[in-house]
Protein backbone atom coordinates (compact mmCIF):
# COMPACT_ATOMS: atom_id res chain seq x y z
CA UNK A 1 -10.68 40.28 -36.32
CA UNK A 2 -12.49 37.60 -34.42
CA UNK A 3 -15.68 39.60 -33.71
CA UNK A 4 -17.06 43.09 -33.32
CA UNK A 5 -20.32 44.49 -31.88
CA UNK A 6 -22.20 47.78 -31.57
CA UNK A 7 -25.68 47.77 -29.93
CA UNK A 8 -25.55 44.36 -28.19
CA UNK A 9 -29.13 43.35 -28.81
CA UNK A 10 -28.50 43.34 -32.52
CA UNK A 11 -25.71 40.75 -32.28
CA UNK A 12 -26.18 37.04 -32.94
CA UNK A 13 -25.32 36.12 -29.33
CA UNK A 14 -27.82 38.56 -27.76
CA UNK A 15 -30.15 35.80 -26.21
CA UNK A 16 -27.15 33.95 -24.77
CA UNK A 17 -25.69 37.20 -23.29
CA UNK A 18 -29.03 38.04 -21.62
CA UNK A 19 -29.64 34.47 -20.36
CA UNK A 20 -26.14 34.38 -18.63
CA UNK A 21 -26.80 37.74 -16.90
CA UNK A 22 -24.20 39.65 -18.93
CA UNK A 23 -26.68 42.09 -20.54
CA UNK A 24 -25.70 45.65 -20.52
CA UNK A 25 -28.37 48.07 -19.09
CA UNK A 26 -28.39 50.16 -22.28
CA UNK A 27 -29.22 48.65 -25.74
CA UNK A 28 -26.67 50.98 -27.17
CA UNK A 29 -23.83 49.41 -25.34
CA UNK A 30 -21.61 46.57 -26.91
CA UNK A 31 -21.30 43.04 -25.59
CA UNK A 32 -19.85 39.92 -27.11
CA UNK A 33 -19.88 36.35 -25.91
CA UNK A 34 -17.10 34.26 -27.39
CA UNK A 35 -15.52 30.85 -26.80
CA UNK A 36 -11.78 31.01 -27.49
CA UNK A 37 -9.00 28.46 -27.35
CA UNK A 38 -6.25 29.28 -24.80
CA UNK A 39 -3.79 31.88 -26.15
CA UNK A 40 -2.89 35.55 -26.30
CA UNK A 41 -5.37 37.94 -27.56
CA UNK A 42 -5.66 41.67 -27.99
CA UNK A 43 -8.88 43.60 -27.43
CA UNK A 44 -9.40 46.90 -29.28
CA UNK A 45 -12.10 49.28 -28.06
CA UNK A 46 -13.00 52.31 -30.11
CA UNK A 47 -15.81 54.85 -30.38
CA UNK A 48 -18.13 55.42 -33.25
CA UNK A 49 -16.89 57.86 -35.86
CA UNK A 50 -17.16 61.40 -34.50
CA UNK A 51 -18.09 60.17 -30.95
CA UNK A 52 -16.10 59.94 -27.71
CA UNK A 53 -16.54 58.38 -24.36
CA UNK A 54 -15.30 56.08 -21.63
CA UNK A 55 -14.82 52.47 -22.31
CA UNK A 56 -14.29 49.32 -20.26
CA UNK A 57 -13.28 45.79 -21.49
CA UNK A 58 -14.03 42.83 -19.11
CA UNK A 59 -12.98 39.24 -19.83
CA UNK A 60 -14.49 36.34 -17.88
CA UNK A 61 -13.44 32.66 -17.75
CA UNK A 62 -16.60 30.68 -17.66
CA UNK A 63 -14.97 27.24 -17.73
CA UNK A 64 -15.99 24.79 -15.11
CA UNK A 65 -13.59 24.63 -12.09
CA UNK A 66 -11.39 21.59 -11.97
């Protein structure tokens, strides 16, 4: 596992997420900001134990345009 998060404001990258405009509206949502080398990755989204809901995974390439 590369990273995990619940309640985005408690993560080590919270200030960076907020300064880039990616902050979720609710402090209970999850958000990660990672720099990864090119390659295949698998994202796994799950609810907290005993909870259910709807999830969305979004991935952005923030590298500068050539």
